[in-house]
Amino acid sequence: MVTKNQLTVNREQANTESPSGTEVEEPPPSKMAVFGQQEEEPPSNKPHGRHRFFGHIADDAWSDWKWHFRNRITTVEELTRFIPLSPEEQAQLKVVTTRYPLSITPHYLSLINPDDPDDPIRKQAIPSILEVTMGMMGCEDPLEERRDAVVPGLVHRYPDRVLMVVTNLCPMLCRHCTRKREWRHGGWVRTADDIDAMLDYLRQNNNIRDVVISGGDPLTLSNHRLEDIISRVRGIAHIEIIRIGTRFPVVLPQRIDAELCAMLSRYGPIWLNTHFNHPRELTPEAAAACDRLLRSGVPVSNQSVLLRGVNDDLHTQMKLCHGLLRIKVRPYYLFQCDEVQGTEHLRTPVEVGLSIIEGMRGHTSGLAVPTFVVDLPDGGGKVPLQPNYMLTEAEEEILLRNYQGHVFHYRNPAYARNQRQKRRPRQALPTSTLFDFAQQQLETAGDRDANRAVVRP
């Protein structure tokens, strides 16, 4: 059985050197006794939010990211002080958390509507019995990261870039996490020897130009430890780009403070990829965090995951991407949810993602349309998927369908055609049959769309 202490570092070790010699600012959650007191909350007309749950918490504490980290909700008993749960639901969640633990920051909890069991924020943070009843579907490591790890924690799959997994600690345990397998192994941070081995590999491979620092969440490390890693990576001459993968701007934006941003500004170019999934996550605190990063020279991109009941409809995705652009964050990827054990209830058919992209393309600016991506199992890598706009190809032209469904001839330049023929000779379709063929393709697509999973309006 997994206990809370297996996932967190001991309170006495917080802000000190861990047994591995790695400094971590990772104080565990308290018992939340203060939250359980029966105190009157200030009047509020909001159905949920800080004033409903944490109105008695002083502003200076609420703005302190370490306070949020210390006071994460990590047990079902703590959760019941905020979210109505029947005895049966409590029993079910206790079963789930023995396999897949629970951790929610006060900031993110304040975004949940406690009276809505289908709340899209709740689905990302609060366990579901389906995590275990459907737990045999999928696999622990569908992307084969362990297989592609050249040294512990360093995944080298693509020729010019690597992934550094420096910790498995996170401020919140997202129920759709790709590395959900790590939750059962207790909290860890890579040792100094592990980091040295990663850096040695980077120095010896001149073709590597891009390093992604991820976890868990690397921003759980103290600024000192994080700077030590970033500065040493930046010191390798052939490393051009450093990227940080973090969900802190969403689940604990107070972490993105002036001290962190000043440190990051010294080691650019640094790009930060974060993970907004729903428009309600675009809080003023999150917007301010992203603005601080941008003013420090750190561009911010977003990588959403397509989740059933969270963002699997056109309206939500459009609102999310428009909201991201308003806070100066680029919608980068929309990921098909990986085949991870414990996440099957949140996965959608691929056709849903294609329908969403098709509904966005042409109806909003291209900058607002993310790339829909499937990260292939067995380490196959990322594959972008798009609706089929090219209907057919002939000797001198192709037929294309636009976002309105209209069909257009497009003359194909001779150079491109000749090069293509050299690669793969093919018999051209007679031009006289192009429109007949296109009509058949459109009718076939219509039949296929009629059988797709319904995309919610």
Protein backbone atom coordinates (compact mmCIF):
# COMPACT_ATOMS: atom_id res chain seq x y z
CA MET A 1 0.00 0.00 0.00
CA VAL A 2 1.22 3.47 -0.87
CA THR A 3 1.18 6.00 1.95
CA LYS A 4 1.29 9.76 1.78
CA ASN A 5 4.82 9.76 3.15
CA GLN A 6 5.99 7.60 0.26
CA LEU A 7 5.13 10.40 -2.14
CA THR A 8 6.57 13.34 -0.22
CA VAL A 9 9.83 14.29 1.38
CA ASN A 10 9.89 14.41 5.16
CA ARG A 11 9.01 17.81 6.70
CA GLU A 12 12.33 17.86 8.55
CA GLN A 13 14.12 17.43 5.22
CA ALA A 14 12.32 20.30 3.52
CA ASN A 15 14.65 23.14 2.46
CA THR A 16 17.66 21.00 3.41
CA GLU A 17 19.80 18.41 1.68
CA SER A 18 17.92 15.19 0.91
CA PRO A 19 19.62 11.83 1.60
CA SER A 20 20.69 11.84 -2.03
CA GLY A 21 22.43 15.16 -1.57
CA THR A 22 19.98 17.10 -3.70
CA GLU A 23 18.35 20.20 -2.27
CA VAL A 24 14.60 20.20 -2.62
CA GLU A 25 12.08 22.79 -1.51
CA GLU A 26 9.38 20.18 -1.13
CA PRO A 27 7.61 20.51 2.23
CA PRO A 28 4.86 17.92 2.58
CA PRO A 29 1.24 18.90 3.15
CA SER A 30 0.03 19.56 6.64
CA LYS A 31 -3.06 17.93 8.11
CA MET A 32 -5.02 20.98 7.03
CA ALA A 33 -6.41 21.46 10.52
CA VAL A 34 -6.88 25.15 9.95
CA PHE A 35 -9.05 24.38 6.92
CA GLY A 36 -11.25 22.08 8.96
CA GLN A 37 -12.21 24.76 11.48
CA GLN A 38 -15.80 25.89 11.40
CA GLU A 39 -15.18 29.54 10.63
CA GLU A 40 -17.54 31.92 8.97
CA GLU A 41 -16.52 32.73 5.43
CA PRO A 42 -16.92 36.20 3.99
CA PRO A 43 -20.05 36.58 1.89
CA SER A 44 -19.51 35.70 -1.77
CA ASN A 45 -21.82 35.24 -4.70
CA LYS A 46 -19.35 32.86 -6.33
CA PRO A 47 -20.35 29.17 -6.30
CA HIS A 48 -16.73 28.22 -5.76
CA GLY A 49 -13.33 29.84 -5.53
CA ARG A 50 -10.90 31.02 -2.92
CA HIS A 51 -13.51 32.81 -0.81
CA ARG A 52 -15.61 29.68 -0.42
CA PHE A 53 -12.73 27.41 0.59
CA PHE A 54 -9.92 29.64 1.81
CA GLY A 55 -11.43 33.02 2.61
CA HIS A 56 -9.83 32.99 6.07
CA ILE A 57 -6.32 32.60 4.67
CA ALA A 58 -4.31 35.83 4.70
CA ASP A 59 -3.29 37.33 1.38
CA ASP A 60 0.43 37.04 2.13
CA ALA A 61 0.03 33.30 2.75
CA TRP A 62 -2.12 32.85 -0.35
CA SER A 63 0.53 34.55 -2.50
CA ASP A 64 3.29 32.31 -1.08
CA TRP A 65 3.82 29.26 -3.28
CA LYS A 66 5.50 27.36 -0.44
CA TRP A 67 2.34 27.75 1.65
CA HIS A 68 0.32 26.18 -1.16
CA PHE A 69 2.85 23.38 -1.51
CA ARG A 70 2.87 22.61 2.21
CA ASN A 71 -0.92 22.60 2.34
CA ARG A 72 -1.72 20.35 -0.59
CA ILE A 73 -4.70 18.07 -0.11
CA THR A 74 -3.35 14.52 -0.11
CA THR A 75 -5.93 12.35 1.67
CA VAL A 76 -9.57 11.53 1.15
CA GLU A 77 -10.32 12.79 4.68
CA GLU A 78 -8.88 16.21 3.82
CA LEU A 79 -10.76 16.26 0.55
CA THR A 80 -14.13 15.72 2.24
CA ARG A 81 -13.73 19.07 4.01
CA PHE A 82 -14.16 20.75 0.64
CA ILE A 83 -15.93 18.35 -1.73
CA PRO A 84 -19.17 16.55 -0.75
CA LEU A 85 -18.48 12.81 -0.91
CA SER A 86 -20.83 10.04 0.10
CA PRO A 87 -19.49 7.21 2.31
CA GLU A 88 -19.45 4.99 -0.76
CA GLU A 89 -17.46 7.56 -2.75
CA GLN A 90 -15.01 7.97 0.11
CA ALA A 91 -14.48 4.22 0.27
CA GLN A 92 -13.93 4.05 -3.48
CA LEU A 93 -11.42 6.91 -3.46
CA LYS A 94 -9.46 5.28 -0.65
CA VAL A 95 -9.13 2.19 -2.81
CA VAL A 96 -7.93 4.28 -5.75
CA THR A 97 -5.39 6.25 -3.72
CA THR A 98 -3.67 3.10 -2.51
CA ARG A 99 -2.55 2.69 -6.13
CA TYR A 100 -2.68 6.23 -7.53
CA PRO A 101 -2.19 8.85 -4.78
CA LEU A 102 -3.93 12.20 -4.46
CA SER A 103 -2.40 15.68 -4.40
CA ILE A 104 -4.17 18.99 -5.13
CA THR A 105 -2.93 22.50 -4.44
CA PRO A 106 -5.26 24.94 -2.67
CA HIS A 107 -5.10 27.18 -5.74
CA TYR A 108 -6.33 24.46 -8.07
CA LEU A 109 -8.90 23.17 -5.58
CA SER A 110 -10.39 26.67 -5.48
CA LEU A 111 -11.24 26.34 -9.19
CA ILE A 112 -13.47 23.30 -8.63
CA ASN A 113 -17.23 23.61 -8.36
CA PRO A 114 -17.83 21.26 -5.41
CA ASP A 115 -21.49 20.82 -6.28
CA ASP A 116 -20.85 19.48 -9.78
CA PRO A 117 -19.63 15.86 -9.93
CA ASP A 118 -18.90 16.34 -13.65
CA ASP A 119 -16.89 19.52 -13.18
CA PRO A 120 -14.03 19.53 -15.76
CA ILE A 121 -11.50 20.83 -13.23
CA ARG A 122 -12.51 18.14 -10.76
CA LYS A 123 -11.98 15.38 -13.34
CA GLN A 124 -8.33 16.38 -13.70
CA ALA A 125 -7.56 16.48 -9.99
CA ILE A 126 -9.84 14.19 -7.98
CA PRO A 127 -9.45 10.41 -8.32
CA SER A 128 -12.09 8.24 -9.93
CA ILE A 129 -12.86 4.59 -9.23
CA LEU A 130 -12.56 4.09 -12.99
CA GLU A 131 -8.80 4.45 -12.59
CA VAL A 132 -8.74 0.95 -11.11
CA THR A 133 -11.85 -0.67 -12.61
CA MET A 134 -10.48 0.14 -16.08
CA GLY A 135 -6.90 -0.08 -14.89
CA MET A 136 -5.86 -3.05 -17.01
CA MET A 137 -6.37 -1.10 -20.23
CA GLY A 138 -3.24 0.52 -21.60
CA CYS A 139 0.23 0.04 -20.16
CA GLU A 140 2.49 1.68 -17.61
CA ASP A 141 5.03 3.10 -20.05
CA PRO A 142 3.34 3.31 -23.46
CA LEU A 143 5.97 5.66 -24.86
CA GLU A 144 8.83 3.31 -23.90
CA GLU A 145 10.76 6.02 -22.09
CA ARG A 146 12.64 3.48 -20.00
CA ARG A 147 13.85 1.71 -23.12
CA ASP A 148 15.14 4.96 -24.67
CA ALA A 149 16.88 6.14 -21.48
CA VAL A 150 20.60 6.31 -22.28
CA VAL A 151 21.41 6.99 -18.63
CA PRO A 152 18.91 7.08 -15.74
CA GLY A 153 16.50 9.93 -16.37
CA LEU A 154 17.84 10.97 -19.80
CA VAL A 155 15.65 9.91 -22.74
CA HIS A 156 17.25 10.23 -26.19
CA ARG A 157 14.67 9.39 -28.84
CA TYR A 158 14.99 12.10 -31.49
CA PRO A 159 18.38 12.81 -33.11
CA ASP A 160 18.83 16.42 -31.95
CA ARG A 161 17.01 16.56 -28.60
CA VAL A 162 16.77 14.82 -25.26
CA LEU A 163 14.44 14.72 -22.27
CA MET A 164 15.85 15.17 -18.76
CA VAL A 165 13.53 13.80 -16.09
CA VAL A 166 14.97 15.36 -12.94
CA THR A 167 12.25 14.45 -10.40
CA ASN A 168 8.88 12.74 -10.07
CA LEU A 169 7.56 15.33 -7.60
CA CYS A 170 4.61 17.48 -8.67
CA PRO A 171 2.44 20.06 -6.89
CA MET A 172 -0.64 18.25 -8.25
CA LEU A 173 -1.09 14.67 -9.42
CA CYS A 174 -3.06 15.06 -12.65
CA ARG A 175 -5.28 12.03 -13.19
CA HIS A 176 -4.26 11.77 -16.87
CA CYS A 177 -0.51 11.90 -16.22
CA THR A 178 1.70 10.12 -18.76
CA ARG A 179 4.14 9.13 -16.00
CA LYS A 180 1.48 7.90 -13.62
CA ARG A 181 3.62 4.79 -13.16
CA GLU A 182 6.06 6.81 -11.06
CA TRP A 183 3.53 7.67 -8.36
CA ARG A 184 3.93 4.32 -6.64
CA HIS A 185 7.69 4.61 -6.23
CA GLY A 186 7.75 7.36 -3.63
CA GLY A 187 9.09 10.88 -4.11
CA TRP A 188 12.55 11.18 -5.62
CA VAL A 189 14.92 13.71 -7.09
CA ARG A 190 17.84 12.75 -9.30
CA THR A 191 21.08 12.54 -7.38
CA ALA A 192 24.13 14.66 -8.14
CA ASP A 193 25.71 11.56 -9.73
CA ASP A 194 22.64 11.10 -11.95
CA ILE A 195 22.84 14.71 -13.14
CA ASP A 196 26.58 14.35 -13.79
CA ALA A 197 25.94 11.26 -15.94
CA MET A 198 23.29 13.13 -17.95
CA LEU A 199 25.61 16.08 -18.54
CA ASP A 200 28.50 13.81 -19.53
CA TYR A 201 26.28 12.22 -22.17
CA LEU A 202 25.24 15.63 -23.49
CA ARG A 203 28.85 16.79 -23.77
CA GLN A 204 29.80 13.70 -25.76
CA ASN A 205 26.97 14.03 -28.31
CA ASN A 206 27.43 17.11 -30.48
CA ASN A 207 24.26 16.45 -32.48
CA ILE A 208 22.10 17.29 -29.45
CA ARG A 209 20.98 20.91 -29.63
CA ASP A 210 17.73 20.91 -27.62
CA VAL A 211 17.25 19.81 -23.99
CA VAL A 212 13.83 19.46 -22.36
CA ILE A 213 13.92 19.55 -18.55
CA SER A 214 10.86 17.82 -17.14
CA GLY A 215 9.61 15.54 -14.40
CA GLY A 216 7.34 15.22 -12.41
CA ASP A 217 7.71 18.95 -12.38
CA PRO A 218 11.20 20.48 -12.31
CA LEU A 219 9.94 23.65 -10.63
CA THR A 220 9.44 21.67 -7.41
CA LEU A 221 13.21 21.99 -7.06
CA SER A 222 14.59 25.00 -5.27
CA ASN A 223 15.82 27.86 -7.43
CA HIS A 224 19.36 26.99 -6.36
CA ARG A 225 19.15 23.36 -7.52
CA LEU A 226 17.27 24.26 -10.70
CA GLU A 227 19.85 26.93 -11.58
CA ASP A 228 22.66 24.45 -11.00
CA ILE A 229 21.18 22.13 -13.64
CA ILE A 230 20.25 24.86 -16.13
CA SER A 231 23.59 26.66 -15.89
CA ARG A 232 25.53 23.46 -16.51
CA VAL A 233 23.39 22.57 -19.49
CA ARG A 234 23.82 26.09 -20.86
CA GLY A 235 27.57 25.71 -20.45
CA ILE A 236 27.66 22.99 -23.14
CA ALA A 237 28.56 24.76 -26.37
CA HIS A 238 26.38 22.81 -28.80
CA ILE A 239 23.18 23.08 -26.70
CA GLU A 240 21.15 25.84 -28.35
CA ILE A 241 17.74 25.59 -26.68
CA ILE A 242 16.60 24.70 -23.17
CA ARG A 243 12.94 23.93 -22.62
CA ILE A 244 11.15 23.49 -19.30
CA GLY A 245 8.02 21.39 -19.01
CA THR A 246 5.89 22.48 -16.06
CA ARG A 247 2.28 22.80 -14.95
CA PHE A 248 3.05 25.28 -12.18
CA PRO A 249 1.57 28.26 -14.12
CA VAL A 250 -1.75 26.38 -14.04
CA VAL A 251 -1.88 24.59 -10.70
CA LEU A 252 0.34 26.84 -8.56
CA PRO A 253 1.11 30.07 -10.45
CA GLN A 254 2.48 31.74 -7.32
CA ARG A 255 5.67 29.72 -7.92
CA ILE A 256 6.46 31.91 -10.95
CA ASP A 257 7.82 34.75 -8.85
CA ALA A 258 10.38 37.47 -9.52
CA GLU A 259 13.28 35.45 -8.13
CA LEU A 260 12.61 32.47 -10.41
CA CYS A 261 12.10 34.67 -13.47
CA ALA A 262 15.30 36.61 -12.80
CA MET A 263 17.22 33.34 -12.62
CA LEU A 264 15.75 32.01 -15.86
CA SER A 265 16.49 35.26 -17.67
CA ARG A 266 20.22 34.66 -17.21
CA TYR A 267 20.29 31.46 -19.26
CA GLY A 268 18.22 32.10 -22.39
CA PRO A 269 17.07 31.06 -24.81
CA ILE A 270 14.72 29.17 -22.51
CA TRP A 271 11.25 28.17 -23.65
CA LEU A 272 8.58 27.06 -21.22
CA ASN A 273 5.85 24.57 -22.13
CA THR A 274 2.88 24.47 -19.80
CA HIS A 275 -0.42 22.61 -19.71
CA PHE A 276 -3.75 24.47 -19.63
CA ASN A 277 -6.64 22.14 -20.46
CA HIS A 278 -9.73 24.24 -19.74
CA PRO A 279 -10.65 27.94 -19.96
CA ARG A 280 -11.42 28.13 -16.22
CA GLU A 281 -7.75 27.48 -15.54
CA LEU A 282 -6.90 30.84 -17.13
CA THR A 283 -7.07 32.69 -13.83
CA PRO A 284 -5.68 36.17 -13.16
CA GLU A 285 -2.87 34.53 -11.17
CA ALA A 286 -2.02 32.26 -14.11
CA ALA A 287 -2.08 35.19 -16.53
CA ALA A 288 0.24 37.19 -14.27
CA ALA A 289 2.64 34.23 -14.01
CA CYS A 290 2.85 33.91 -17.80
CA ASP A 291 3.34 37.66 -18.14
CA ARG A 292 6.27 37.57 -15.69
CA LEU A 293 7.89 34.79 -17.72
CA LEU A 294 7.46 36.67 -20.97
CA ARG A 295 8.91 39.87 -19.52
CA SER A 296 11.92 37.78 -18.47
CA GLY A 297 12.50 36.62 -22.02
CA VAL A 298 10.91 33.19 -21.61
CA PRO A 299 8.28 32.45 -24.28
CA VAL A 300 5.39 30.26 -23.09
CA SER A 301 3.65 27.59 -25.18
CA ASN A 302 0.75 25.36 -24.21
CA GLN A 303 0.38 21.61 -24.59
CA SER A 304 -3.19 20.50 -23.90
CA VAL A 305 -4.35 16.91 -23.57
CA LEU A 306 -7.68 15.96 -25.10
CA LEU A 307 -9.75 14.64 -22.18
CA ARG A 308 -13.24 13.16 -22.12
CA GLY A 309 -15.67 15.44 -20.31
CA VAL A 310 -13.03 18.15 -19.87
CA ASN A 311 -12.23 19.70 -23.24
CA ASP A 312 -13.51 17.26 -25.86
CA ASP A 313 -15.78 19.71 -27.67
CA LEU A 314 -15.24 22.52 -30.14
CA HIS A 315 -16.65 25.32 -27.97
CA THR A 316 -14.32 24.57 -25.05
CA GLN A 317 -11.23 24.23 -27.24
CA MET A 318 -12.00 27.46 -29.09
CA LYS A 319 -12.54 29.33 -25.83
CA LEU A 320 -9.36 27.87 -24.35
CA CYS A 321 -7.16 28.76 -27.33
CA HIS A 322 -8.58 32.27 -27.60
CA GLY A 323 -7.99 32.73 -23.89
CA LEU A 324 -4.42 31.50 -24.21
CA LEU A 325 -3.67 34.05 -26.90
CA ARG A 326 -5.13 36.80 -24.73
CA ILE A 327 -2.60 35.99 -22.02
CA LYS A 328 0.16 35.76 -24.66
CA VAL A 329 0.54 31.98 -24.56
CA ARG A 330 0.82 30.08 -27.84
CA PRO A 331 -1.50 27.07 -28.33
CA TYR A 332 1.18 24.57 -29.40
CA TYR A 333 -0.04 20.96 -29.16
CA LEU A 334 -3.34 19.22 -28.53
CA PHE A 335 -2.30 15.72 -27.48
CA GLN A 336 -4.39 12.60 -27.82
CA CYS A 337 -4.40 11.18 -24.28
CA ASP A 338 -1.72 8.47 -24.04
CA GLU A 339 -2.56 4.82 -23.46
CA VAL A 340 -1.52 4.96 -19.81
CA GLN A 341 -2.97 2.56 -17.27
CA GLY A 342 -5.43 4.38 -15.04
CA THR A 343 -6.44 6.96 -17.67
CA GLU A 344 -8.74 5.03 -20.02
CA HIS A 345 -11.89 6.74 -18.71
CA LEU A 346 -10.46 10.09 -19.83
CA ARG A 347 -9.44 9.03 -23.34
CA THR A 348 -11.45 10.00 -26.42
CA PRO A 349 -11.60 8.59 -29.96
CA VAL A 350 -9.00 10.14 -32.26
CA GLU A 351 -11.86 11.27 -34.50
CA VAL A 352 -12.96 13.70 -31.79
CA GLY A 353 -9.66 15.56 -31.99
CA LEU A 354 -9.78 15.65 -35.78
CA SER A 355 -13.32 17.04 -35.70
CA ILE A 356 -12.26 19.77 -33.26
CA ILE A 357 -9.32 20.82 -35.44
CA GLU A 358 -11.56 20.82 -38.51
CA GLY A 359 -14.08 22.97 -36.67
CA MET A 360 -11.37 25.48 -35.74
CA ARG A 361 -9.50 25.66 -39.03
CA GLY A 362 -10.80 28.57 -41.07
CA HIS A 363 -13.13 29.72 -38.30
CA THR A 364 -10.42 31.33 -36.19
CA SER A 365 -6.88 32.59 -36.76
CA GLY A 366 -4.29 29.93 -37.52
CA LEU A 367 -2.31 31.06 -34.48
CA ALA A 368 -5.17 29.82 -32.30
CA VAL A 369 -5.20 26.31 -33.81
CA PRO A 370 -2.89 23.83 -32.07
CA THR A 371 -1.36 20.83 -33.80
CA PHE A 372 -3.26 17.65 -32.95
CA VAL A 373 -0.67 15.01 -32.07
CA VAL A 374 -0.61 11.32 -31.23
CA ASP A 375 2.47 10.20 -29.31
CA LEU A 376 2.85 6.70 -30.71
CA PRO A 377 3.24 3.67 -28.47
CA ASP A 378 6.48 1.68 -28.38
CA GLY A 379 8.50 4.88 -28.64
CA GLY A 380 7.32 5.71 -32.15
CA GLY A 381 7.36 9.45 -31.45
CA LYS A 382 4.88 12.22 -32.12
CA VAL A 383 2.74 12.13 -35.26
CA PRO A 384 0.64 15.18 -36.24
CA LEU A 385 -2.87 14.44 -37.48
CA GLN A 386 -4.95 16.77 -39.61
CA PRO A 387 -8.33 16.49 -41.34
CA ASN A 388 -8.00 15.31 -44.92
CA TYR A 389 -7.98 18.41 -47.11
CA MET A 390 -6.21 16.85 -50.11
CA LEU A 391 -8.79 14.78 -51.99
CA THR A 392 -6.69 13.38 -54.79
CA GLU A 393 -3.60 13.95 -56.91
CA ALA A 394 -3.18 13.89 -60.70
CA GLU A 395 -0.29 14.41 -63.11
CA GLU A 396 -0.42 18.20 -63.12
CA GLU A 397 -2.81 19.16 -60.38
CA ILE A 398 -4.33 18.16 -57.09
CA LEU A 399 -7.82 18.65 -55.72
CA LEU A 400 -8.11 20.34 -52.33
CA ARG A 401 -11.07 20.85 -50.03
CA ASN A 402 -11.25 24.07 -48.01
CA TYR A 403 -12.77 24.60 -44.57
CA GLN A 404 -16.18 25.26 -46.15
CA GLY A 405 -16.17 21.96 -48.03
CA HIS A 406 -15.61 23.57 -51.43
CA VAL A 407 -13.31 21.75 -53.89
CA PHE A 408 -10.52 23.55 -55.74
CA HIS A 409 -8.07 22.65 -58.51
CA TYR A 410 -4.47 23.43 -57.59
CA ARG A 411 -1.80 23.36 -60.30
CA ASN A 412 1.19 21.34 -59.19
CA PRO A 413 4.56 22.82 -60.28
CA ALA A 414 6.54 20.64 -62.69
CA TYR A 415 9.69 20.57 -60.54
CA ALA A 416 7.88 19.14 -57.56
CA ARG A 417 6.05 16.69 -59.79
CA ASN A 418 9.27 15.49 -61.43
CA GLN A 419 10.99 15.04 -58.09
CA ARG A 420 8.07 13.06 -56.77
CA GLN A 421 8.06 10.82 -59.85
CA LYS A 422 11.72 10.05 -59.29
CA ARG A 423 10.96 8.91 -55.79
CA ARG A 424 7.84 6.83 -56.48
CA PRO A 425 6.53 6.49 -60.05
CA ARG A 426 2.78 6.21 -60.15
CA GLN A 427 -0.01 6.08 -62.68
CA ALA A 428 -1.78 9.44 -62.88
CA LEU A 429 -5.53 9.65 -62.53
CA PRO A 430 -7.09 11.09 -65.74
CA THR A 431 -8.06 14.71 -65.24
CA SER A 432 -11.54 14.05 -66.61
CA THR A 433 -12.32 11.84 -63.62
CA LEU A 434 -11.03 14.18 -60.92
CA PHE A 435 -14.37 15.72 -60.01
CA ASP A 436 -16.11 12.33 -60.03
CA PHE A 437 -13.41 10.99 -57.75
CA ALA A 438 -13.59 14.05 -55.48
CA GLN A 439 -17.35 13.70 -55.19
CA GLN A 440 -16.93 10.07 -54.20
CA GLN A 441 -14.35 11.05 -51.58
CA LEU A 442 -16.68 13.67 -50.09
CA GLU A 443 -19.58 11.21 -49.94
CA THR A 444 -17.36 8.61 -48.28
CA ALA A 445 -16.16 11.23 -45.77
CA GLY A 446 -19.78 12.13 -45.04
CA ASP A 447 -20.64 8.51 -44.30
CA ARG A 448 -17.58 8.22 -42.07
CA ASP A 449 -18.40 11.42 -40.18
CA ALA A 450 -21.93 10.17 -39.57
CA ASN A 451 -20.47 7.22 -37.69
CA ARG A 452 -18.00 9.24 -35.63
CA ALA A 453 -18.28 9.66 -31.90
CA VAL A 454 -20.41 12.71 -31.29
CA VAL A 455 -18.42 15.86 -30.59
CA ARG A 456 -20.30 17.87 -28.03
CA PRO A 457 -21.42 21.33 -29.27
